[in-house]
Amino acid sequence: MTKNPTATTLDALPPGRTALVLDIVGDDRLSRRLSDLGFWSGTRIEVMRRAPFGDPTQYRLQGYRIALRRNEAQRVVVEELR
């Protein structure tokens, strides 16, 4: 994981916030799939909306929208843009 003191995971950001992807945690099937979907270091990602019970959450990146469950979003390390 990145040693950036302002880094957090994607699941911690509320809707309406924007961040830059710093890293994907792990080297398993899920982390490779996230990378295949465009979660690359330096990619801008916006939190669009969250389901009524908080899971899943919709994100916008690379010109498309994707919904991730909380455990999937916890694998994406980001730095929030202010």
PDB file of N, CA and C in Angstrom:
ATOM      1  N   MET A   1       0.837  -1.178   0.000  1.00  0.00           N
ATOM      2  CA  MET A   1       0.000   0.000   0.000  1.00  0.00           C
ATOM      3  C   MET A   1       0.879   1.238   0.000  1.00  0.00           C
ATOM      4  N   THR A   2       0.351   2.316  -0.566  1.00  0.00           N
ATOM      5  CA  THR A   2       1.064   3.578  -0.657  1.00  0.00           C
ATOM      6  C   THR A   2       1.244   4.185   0.727  1.00  0.00           C
ATOM      7  N   LYS A   3       2.392   4.818   0.967  1.00  0.00           N
ATOM      8  CA  LYS A   3       2.663   5.416   2.267  1.00  0.00           C
ATOM      9  C   LYS A   3       2.307   6.899   2.291  1.00  0.00           C
ATOM     10  N   ASN A   4       1.259   7.275   1.614  1.00  0.00           N
ATOM     11  CA  ASN A   4       0.776   8.649   1.552  1.00  0.00           C
ATOM     12  C   ASN A   4      -0.114   8.908   2.768  1.00  0.00           C
ATOM     13  N   PRO A   5       0.199   9.926   3.590  1.00  0.00           N
ATOM     14  CA  PRO A   5      -0.604  10.173   4.789  1.00  0.00           C
ATOM     15  C   PRO A   5      -2.023  10.647   4.486  1.00  0.00           C
ATOM     16  N   THR A   6      -2.277  11.150   3.296  1.00  0.00           N
ATOM     17  CA  THR A   6      -3.621  11.596   2.938  1.00  0.00           C
ATOM     18  C   THR A   6      -4.397  10.528   2.181  1.00  0.00           C
ATOM     19  N   ALA A   7      -3.820   9.360   2.031  1.00  0.00           N
ATOM     20  CA  ALA A   7      -4.479   8.271   1.301  1.00  0.00           C
ATOM     21  C   ALA A   7      -5.585   7.654   2.142  1.00  0.00           C
ATOM     22  N   THR A   8      -6.614   7.222   1.467  1.00  0.00           N
ATOM     23  CA  THR A   8      -7.726   6.514   2.083  1.00  0.00           C
ATOM     24  C   THR A   8      -8.205   5.471   1.083  1.00  0.00           C
ATOM     25  N   THR A   9      -9.214   4.737   1.441  1.00  0.00           N
ATOM     26  CA  THR A   9      -9.755   3.773   0.482  1.00  0.00           C
ATOM     27  C   THR A   9     -11.029   4.343  -0.135  1.00  0.00           C
ATOM     28  N   LEU A  10     -11.355   3.858  -1.295  1.00  0.00           N
ATOM     29  CA  LEU A  10     -12.469   4.382  -2.074  1.00  0.00           C
ATOM     30  C   LEU A  10     -13.793   4.288  -1.328  1.00  0.00           C
ATOM     31  N   ASP A  11     -13.996   3.265  -0.540  1.00  0.00           N
ATOM     32  CA  ASP A  11     -15.258   3.100   0.187  1.00  0.00           C
ATOM     33  C   ASP A  11     -15.489   4.177   1.241  1.00  0.00           C
ATOM     34  N   ALA A  12     -14.437   4.895   1.655  1.00  0.00           N
ATOM     35  CA  ALA A  12     -14.556   5.915   2.700  1.00  0.00           C
ATOM     36  C   ALA A  12     -15.050   7.259   2.172  1.00  0.00           C
ATOM     37  N   LEU A  13     -15.068   7.443   0.863  1.00  0.00           N
ATOM     38  CA  LEU A  13     -15.480   8.723   0.298  1.00  0.00           C
ATOM     39  C   LEU A  13     -16.993   8.799   0.143  1.00  0.00           C
ATOM     40  N   PRO A  14     -17.588   9.934   0.532  1.00  0.00           N
ATOM     41  CA  PRO A  14     -19.036  10.096   0.354  1.00  0.00           C
ATOM     42  C   PRO A  14     -19.375  10.499  -1.081  1.00  0.00           C
ATOM     43  N   PRO A  15     -20.615  10.327  -1.493  1.00  0.00           N
ATOM     44  CA  PRO A  15     -21.031  10.743  -2.833  1.00  0.00           C
ATOM     45  C   PRO A  15     -20.733  12.220  -3.078  1.00  0.00           C
ATOM     46  N   GLY A  16     -20.370  12.513  -4.327  1.00  0.00           N
ATOM     47  CA  GLY A  16     -20.041  13.878  -4.711  1.00  0.00           C
ATOM     48  C   GLY A  16     -18.559  14.200  -4.640  1.00  0.00           C
ATOM     49  N   ARG A  17     -17.773  13.333  -4.068  1.00  0.00           N
ATOM     50  CA  ARG A  17     -16.332  13.561  -3.931  1.00  0.00           C
ATOM     51  C   ARG A  17     -15.577  12.971  -5.104  1.00  0.00           C
ATOM     52  N   THR A  18     -14.412  13.543  -5.377  1.00  0.00           N
ATOM     53  CA  THR A  18     -13.554  13.091  -6.461  1.00  0.00           C
ATOM     54  C   THR A  18     -12.190  12.762  -5.893  1.00  0.00           C
ATOM     55  N   ALA A  19     -11.539  11.763  -6.472  1.00  0.00           N
ATOM     56  CA  ALA A  19     -10.231  11.324  -5.975  1.00  0.00           C
ATOM     57  C   ALA A  19      -9.384  10.811  -7.131  1.00  0.00           C
ATOM     58  N   LEU A  20      -8.101  10.649  -6.843  1.00  0.00           N
ATOM     59  CA  LEU A  20      -7.172  10.015  -7.774  1.00  0.00           C
ATOM     60  C   LEU A  20      -6.804   8.647  -7.232  1.00  0.00           C
ATOM     61  N   VAL A  21      -6.816   7.663  -8.086  1.00  0.00           N
ATOM     62  CA  VAL A  21      -6.412   6.317  -7.690  1.00  0.00           C
ATOM     63  C   VAL A  21      -4.901   6.314  -7.468  1.00  0.00           C
ATOM     64  N   LEU A  22      -4.472   5.776  -6.336  1.00  0.00           N
ATOM     65  CA  LEU A  22      -3.047   5.652  -6.028  1.00  0.00           C
ATOM     66  C   LEU A  22      -2.552   4.224  -6.214  1.00  0.00           C
ATOM     67  N   ASP A  23      -3.388   3.259  -5.828  1.00  0.00           N
ATOM     68  CA  ASP A  23      -2.933   1.869  -5.825  1.00  0.00           C
ATOM     69  C   ASP A  23      -4.123   0.934  -5.680  1.00  0.00           C
ATOM     70  N   ILE A  24      -3.905  -0.311  -5.996  1.00  0.00           N
ATOM     71  CA  ILE A  24      -4.874  -1.375  -5.720  1.00  0.00           C
ATOM     72  C   ILE A  24      -4.174  -2.358  -4.790  1.00  0.00           C
ATOM     73  N   VAL A  25      -4.821  -2.671  -3.686  1.00  0.00           N
ATOM     74  CA  VAL A  25      -4.239  -3.560  -2.689  1.00  0.00           C
ATOM     75  C   VAL A  25      -4.427  -5.012  -3.118  1.00  0.00           C
ATOM     76  N   GLY A  26      -3.363  -5.773  -3.069  1.00  0.00           N
ATOM     77  CA  GLY A  26      -3.442  -7.198  -3.355  1.00  0.00           C
ATOM     78  C   GLY A  26      -2.916  -7.563  -4.725  1.00  0.00           C
ATOM     79  N   ASP A  27      -2.796  -8.852  -4.926  1.00  0.00           N
ATOM     80  CA  ASP A  27      -2.329  -9.392  -6.198  1.00  0.00           C
ATOM     81  C   ASP A  27      -3.120 -10.666  -6.498  1.00  0.00           C
ATOM     82  N   ASP A  28      -4.422 -10.536  -6.392  1.00  0.00           N
ATOM     83  CA  ASP A  28      -5.283 -11.685  -6.636  1.00  0.00           C
ATOM     84  C   ASP A  28      -6.225 -11.388  -7.800  1.00  0.00           C
ATOM     85  N   ARG A  29      -7.178 -12.228  -7.974  1.00  0.00           N
ATOM     86  CA  ARG A  29      -8.122 -12.103  -9.090  1.00  0.00           C
ATOM     87  C   ARG A  29      -8.886 -10.778  -9.050  1.00  0.00           C
ATOM     88  N   LEU A  30      -9.359 -10.374  -7.868  1.00  0.00           N
ATOM     89  CA  LEU A  30     -10.114  -9.135  -7.744  1.00  0.00           C
ATOM     90  C   LEU A  30      -9.257  -7.918  -8.079  1.00  0.00           C
ATOM     91  N   SER A  31      -8.043  -7.866  -7.575  1.00  0.00           N
ATOM     92  CA  SER A  31      -7.185  -6.710  -7.860  1.00  0.00           C
ATOM     93  C   SER A  31      -6.855  -6.631  -9.350  1.00  0.00           C
ATOM     94  N   ARG A  32      -6.642  -7.761  -9.989  1.00  0.00           N
ATOM     95  CA  ARG A  32      -6.396  -7.759 -11.441  1.00  0.00           C
ATOM     96  C   ARG A  32      -7.637  -7.315 -12.203  1.00  0.00           C
ATOM     97  N   ARG A  33      -8.799  -7.727 -11.745  1.00  0.00           N
ATOM     98  CA  ARG A  33     -10.055  -7.319 -12.397  1.00  0.00           C
ATOM     99  C   ARG A  33     -10.268  -5.815 -12.268  1.00  0.00           C
ATOM    100  N   LEU A  34      -9.999  -5.266 -11.095  1.00  0.00           N
ATOM    101  CA  LEU A  34     -10.123  -3.818 -10.914  1.00  0.00           C
ATOM    102  C   LEU A  34      -9.181  -3.069 -11.854  1.00  0.00           C
ATOM    103  N   SER A  35      -7.991  -3.567 -12.003  1.00  0.00           N
ATOM    104  CA  SER A  35      -7.035  -2.967 -12.926  1.00  0.00           C
ATOM    105  C   SER A  35      -7.545  -3.068 -14.368  1.00  0.00           C
ATOM    106  N   ASP A  36      -8.091  -4.199 -14.738  1.00  0.00           N
ATOM    107  CA  ASP A  36      -8.657  -4.377 -16.073  1.00  0.00           C
ATOM    108  C   ASP A  36      -9.808  -3.403 -16.337  1.00  0.00           C
ATOM    109  N   LEU A  37     -10.527  -3.044 -15.286  1.00  0.00           N
ATOM    110  CA  LEU A  37     -11.663  -2.134 -15.422  1.00  0.00           C
ATOM    111  C   LEU A  37     -11.251  -0.663 -15.476  1.00  0.00           C
ATOM    112  N   GLY A  38      -9.956  -0.371 -15.338  1.00  0.00           N
ATOM    113  CA  GLY A  38      -9.487   1.005 -15.469  1.00  0.00           C
ATOM    114  C   GLY A  38      -9.086   1.692 -14.185  1.00  0.00           C
ATOM    115  N   PHE A  39      -9.031   0.964 -13.093  1.00  0.00           N
ATOM    116  CA  PHE A  39      -8.592   1.545 -11.821  1.00  0.00           C
ATOM    117  C   PHE A  39      -7.061   1.570 -11.799  1.00  0.00           C
ATOM    118  N   TRP A  40      -6.499   2.505 -12.554  1.00  0.00           N
ATOM    119  CA  TRP A  40      -5.046   2.631 -12.671  1.00  0.00           C
ATOM    120  C   TRP A  40      -4.565   3.800 -11.838  1.00  0.00           C
ATOM    121  N   SER A  41      -3.334   3.763 -11.418  1.00  0.00           N
ATOM    122  CA  SER A  41      -2.727   4.867 -10.680  1.00  0.00           C
ATOM    123  C   SER A  41      -2.837   6.151 -11.501  1.00  0.00           C
ATOM    124  N   GLY A  42      -3.341   7.210 -10.872  1.00  0.00           N
ATOM    125  CA  GLY A  42      -3.500   8.501 -11.543  1.00  0.00           C
ATOM    126  C   GLY A  42      -4.858   8.718 -12.168  1.00  0.00           C
ATOM    127  N   THR A  43      -5.716   7.694 -12.163  1.00  0.00           N
ATOM    128  CA  THR A  43      -7.047   7.819 -12.743  1.00  0.00           C
ATOM    129  C   THR A  43      -7.954   8.622 -11.819  1.00  0.00           C
ATOM    130  N   ARG A  44      -8.677   9.558 -12.393  1.00  0.00           N
ATOM    131  CA  ARG A  44      -9.638  10.363 -11.631  1.00  0.00           C
ATOM    132  C   ARG A  44     -10.930   9.567 -11.507  1.00  0.00           C
ATOM    133  N   ILE A  45     -11.484   9.538 -10.305  1.00  0.00           N
ATOM    134  CA  ILE A  45     -12.711   8.782 -10.042  1.00  0.00           C
ATOM    135  C   ILE A  45     -13.649   9.628  -9.198  1.00  0.00           C
ATOM    136  N   GLU A  46     -14.923   9.585  -9.542  1.00  0.00           N
ATOM    137  CA  GLU A  46     -15.929  10.357  -8.819  1.00  0.00           C
ATOM    138  C   GLU A  46     -16.938   9.406  -8.186  1.00  0.00           C
ATOM    139  N   VAL A  47     -17.293   9.679  -6.933  1.00  0.00           N
ATOM    140  CA  VAL A  47     -18.302   8.892  -6.238  1.00  0.00           C
ATOM    141  C   VAL A  47     -19.653   9.469  -6.631  1.00  0.00           C
ATOM    142  N   MET A  48     -20.469   8.681  -7.314  1.00  0.00           N
ATOM    143  CA  MET A  48     -21.748   9.166  -7.831  1.00  0.00           C
ATOM    144  C   MET A  48     -22.876   9.051  -6.808  1.00  0.00           C
ATOM    145  N   ARG A  49     -23.174   7.830  -6.401  1.00  0.00           N
ATOM    146  CA  ARG A  49     -24.251   7.628  -5.428  1.00  0.00           C
ATOM    147  C   ARG A  49     -24.110   6.270  -4.761  1.00  0.00           C
ATOM    148  N   ARG A  50     -24.756   6.185  -3.615  1.00  0.00           N
ATOM    149  CA  ARG A  50     -24.686   4.974  -2.810  1.00  0.00           C
ATOM    150  C   ARG A  50     -26.085   4.379  -2.692  1.00  0.00           C
ATOM    151  N   ALA A  51     -26.192   3.073  -2.701  1.00  0.00           N
ATOM    152  CA  ALA A  51     -27.480   2.391  -2.552  1.00  0.00           C
ATOM    153  C   ALA A  51     -28.082   2.704  -1.181  1.00  0.00           C
ATOM    154  N   PRO A  52     -29.393   2.532  -1.033  1.00  0.00           N
ATOM    155  CA  PRO A  52     -30.060   2.892   0.235  1.00  0.00           C
ATOM    156  C   PRO A  52     -29.425   2.313   1.499  1.00  0.00           C
ATOM    157  N   PHE A  53     -28.924   1.103   1.463  1.00  0.00           N
ATOM    158  CA  PHE A  53     -28.305   0.518   2.659  1.00  0.00           C
ATOM    159  C   PHE A  53     -26.784   0.621   2.627  1.00  0.00           C
ATOM    160  N   GLY A  54     -26.255   1.441   1.701  1.00  0.00           N
ATOM    161  CA  GLY A  54     -24.828   1.725   1.674  1.00  0.00           C
ATOM    162  C   GLY A  54     -23.980   0.809   0.812  1.00  0.00           C
ATOM    163  N   ASP A  55     -24.597  -0.164   0.159  1.00  0.00           N
ATOM    164  CA  ASP A  55     -23.810  -1.110  -0.627  1.00  0.00           C
ATOM    165  C   ASP A  55     -24.665  -1.639  -1.764  1.00  0.00           C
ATOM    166  N   PRO A  56     -24.297  -1.504  -2.999  1.00  0.00           N
ATOM    167  CA  PRO A  56     -23.035  -1.010  -3.546  1.00  0.00           C
ATOM    168  C   PRO A  56     -23.051   0.511  -3.743  1.00  0.00           C
ATOM    169  N   THR A  57     -21.943   1.033  -4.245  1.00  0.00           N
ATOM    170  CA  THR A  57     -21.791   2.448  -4.567  1.00  0.00           C
ATOM    171  C   THR A  57     -21.427   2.566  -6.038  1.00  0.00           C
ATOM    172  N   GLN A  58     -21.972   3.600  -6.663  1.00  0.00           N
ATOM    173  CA  GLN A  58     -21.688   3.829  -8.081  1.00  0.00           C
ATOM    174  C   GLN A  58     -20.570   4.865  -8.222  1.00  0.00           C
ATOM    175  N   TYR A  59     -19.618   4.574  -9.111  1.00  0.00           N
ATOM    176  CA  TYR A  59     -18.477   5.443  -9.376  1.00  0.00           C
ATOM    177  C   TYR A  59     -18.403   5.761 -10.854  1.00  0.00           C
ATOM    178  N   ARG A  60     -17.790   6.907 -11.183  1.00  0.00           N
ATOM    179  CA  ARG A  60     -17.552   7.258 -12.581  1.00  0.00           C
ATOM    180  C   ARG A  60     -16.051   7.395 -12.794  1.00  0.00           C
ATOM    181  N   LEU A  61     -15.541   6.692 -13.813  1.00  0.00           N
ATOM    182  CA  LEU A  61     -14.137   6.789 -14.185  1.00  0.00           C
ATOM    183  C   LEU A  61     -13.995   6.386 -15.638  1.00  0.00           C
ATOM    184  N   GLN A  62     -12.982   6.883 -16.292  1.00  0.00           N
ATOM    185  CA  GLN A  62     -12.646   6.502 -17.670  1.00  0.00           C
ATOM    186  C   GLN A  62     -13.838   6.603 -18.624  1.00  0.00           C
ATOM    187  N   GLY A  63     -14.782   7.514 -18.353  1.00  0.00           N
ATOM    188  CA  GLY A  63     -15.918   7.698 -19.249  1.00  0.00           C
ATOM    189  C   GLY A  63     -17.072   6.729 -19.053  1.00  0.00           C
ATOM    190  N   TYR A  64     -17.064   5.932 -18.004  1.00  0.00           N
ATOM    191  CA  TYR A  64     -18.177   5.021 -17.741  1.00  0.00           C
ATOM    192  C   TYR A  64     -18.472   4.973 -16.248  1.00  0.00           C
ATOM    193  N   ARG A  65     -19.575   4.354 -15.903  1.00  0.00           N
ATOM    194  CA  ARG A  65     -19.970   4.194 -14.499  1.00  0.00           C
ATOM    195  C   ARG A  65     -19.918   2.719 -14.129  1.00  0.00           C
ATOM    196  N   ILE A  66     -19.550   2.490 -12.882  1.00  0.00           N
ATOM    197  CA  ILE A  66     -19.452   1.124 -12.380  1.00  0.00           C
ATOM    198  C   ILE A  66     -19.904   1.107 -10.920  1.00  0.00           C
ATOM    199  N   ALA A  67     -20.550   0.036 -10.521  1.00  0.00           N
ATOM    200  CA  ALA A  67     -20.953  -0.138  -9.127  1.00  0.00           C
ATOM    201  C   ALA A  67     -20.030  -1.162  -8.484  1.00  0.00           C
ATOM    202  N   LEU A  68     -19.509  -0.808  -7.314  1.00  0.00           N
ATOM    203  CA  LEU A  68     -18.651  -1.722  -6.553  1.00  0.00           C
ATOM    204  C   LEU A  68     -19.243  -1.942  -5.174  1.00  0.00           C
ATOM    205  N   ARG A  69     -19.099  -3.132  -4.679  1.00  0.00           N
ATOM    206  CA  ARG A  69     -19.473  -3.410  -3.290  1.00  0.00           C
ATOM    207  C   ARG A  69     -18.392  -2.845  -2.371  1.00  0.00           C
ATOM    208  N   ARG A  70     -18.744  -2.665  -1.132  1.00  0.00           N
ATOM    209  CA  ARG A  70     -17.828  -2.049  -0.167  1.00  0.00           C
ATOM    210  C   ARG A  70     -16.503  -2.811  -0.077  1.00  0.00           C
ATOM    211  N   ASN A  71     -16.559  -4.143  -0.034  1.00  0.00           N
ATOM    212  CA  ASN A  71     -15.320  -4.924   0.089  1.00  0.00           C
ATOM    213  C   ASN A  71     -14.439  -4.778  -1.148  1.00  0.00           C
ATOM    214  N   GLU A  72     -15.032  -4.510  -2.302  1.00  0.00           N
ATOM    215  CA  GLU A  72     -14.248  -4.280  -3.515  1.00  0.00           C
ATOM    216  C   GLU A  72     -13.627  -2.880  -3.489  1.00  0.00           C
ATOM    217  N   ALA A  73     -14.419  -1.883  -3.082  1.00  0.00           N
ATOM    218  CA  ALA A  73     -13.929  -0.502  -3.019  1.00  0.00           C
ATOM    219  C   ALA A  73     -12.834  -0.327  -1.960  1.00  0.00           C
ATOM    220  N   GLN A  74     -12.827  -1.169  -0.949  1.00  0.00           N
ATOM    221  CA  GLN A  74     -11.784  -1.099   0.083  1.00  0.00           C
ATOM    222  C   GLN A  74     -10.414  -1.468  -0.478  1.00  0.00           C
ATOM    223  N   ARG A  75     -10.369  -2.098  -1.615  1.00  0.00           N
ATOM    224  CA  ARG A  75      -9.102  -2.512  -2.233  1.00  0.00           C
ATOM    225  C   ARG A  75      -8.447  -1.384  -3.029  1.00  0.00           C
ATOM    226  N   VAL A  76      -9.203  -0.293  -3.301  1.00  0.00           N
ATOM    227  CA  VAL A  76      -8.707   0.809  -4.121  1.00  0.00           C
ATOM    228  C   VAL A  76      -8.248   1.949  -3.209  1.00  0.00           C
ATOM    229  N   VAL A  77      -6.949   2.235  -3.214  1.00  0.00           N
ATOM    230  CA  VAL A  77      -6.371   3.316  -2.408  1.00  0.00           C
ATOM    231  C   VAL A  77      -6.421   4.591  -3.235  1.00  0.00           C
ATOM    232  N   VAL A  78      -6.960   5.668  -2.654  1.00  0.00           N
ATOM    233  CA  VAL A  78      -7.139   6.917  -3.376  1.00  0.00           C
ATOM    234  C   VAL A  78      -6.659   8.098  -2.538  1.00  0.00           C
ATOM    235  N   GLU A  79      -6.493   9.222  -3.227  1.00  0.00           N
ATOM    236  CA  GLU A  79      -6.232  10.495  -2.561  1.00  0.00           C
ATOM    237  C   GLU A  79      -7.328  11.448  -3.002  1.00  0.00           C
ATOM    238  N   GLU A  80      -8.092  11.959  -2.042  1.00  0.00           N
ATOM    239  CA  GLU A  80      -9.209  12.826  -2.369  1.00  0.00           C
ATOM    240  C   GLU A  80      -8.710  14.157  -2.934  1.00  0.00           C
ATOM    241  N   LEU A  81      -9.398  14.625  -3.981  1.00  0.00           N
ATOM    242  CA  LEU A  81      -9.097  15.929  -4.568  1.00  0.00           C
ATOM    243  C   LEU A  81     -10.001  16.962  -3.898  1.00  0.00           C
ATOM    244  N   ARG A  82      -9.433  18.079  -3.591  1.00  0.00           N
ATOM    245  CA  ARG A  82     -10.224  19.134  -2.911  1.00  0.00           C
ATOM    246  C   ARG A  82     -10.530  20.257  -3.847  1.00  0.00           C
TER     247      ARG A  82
END
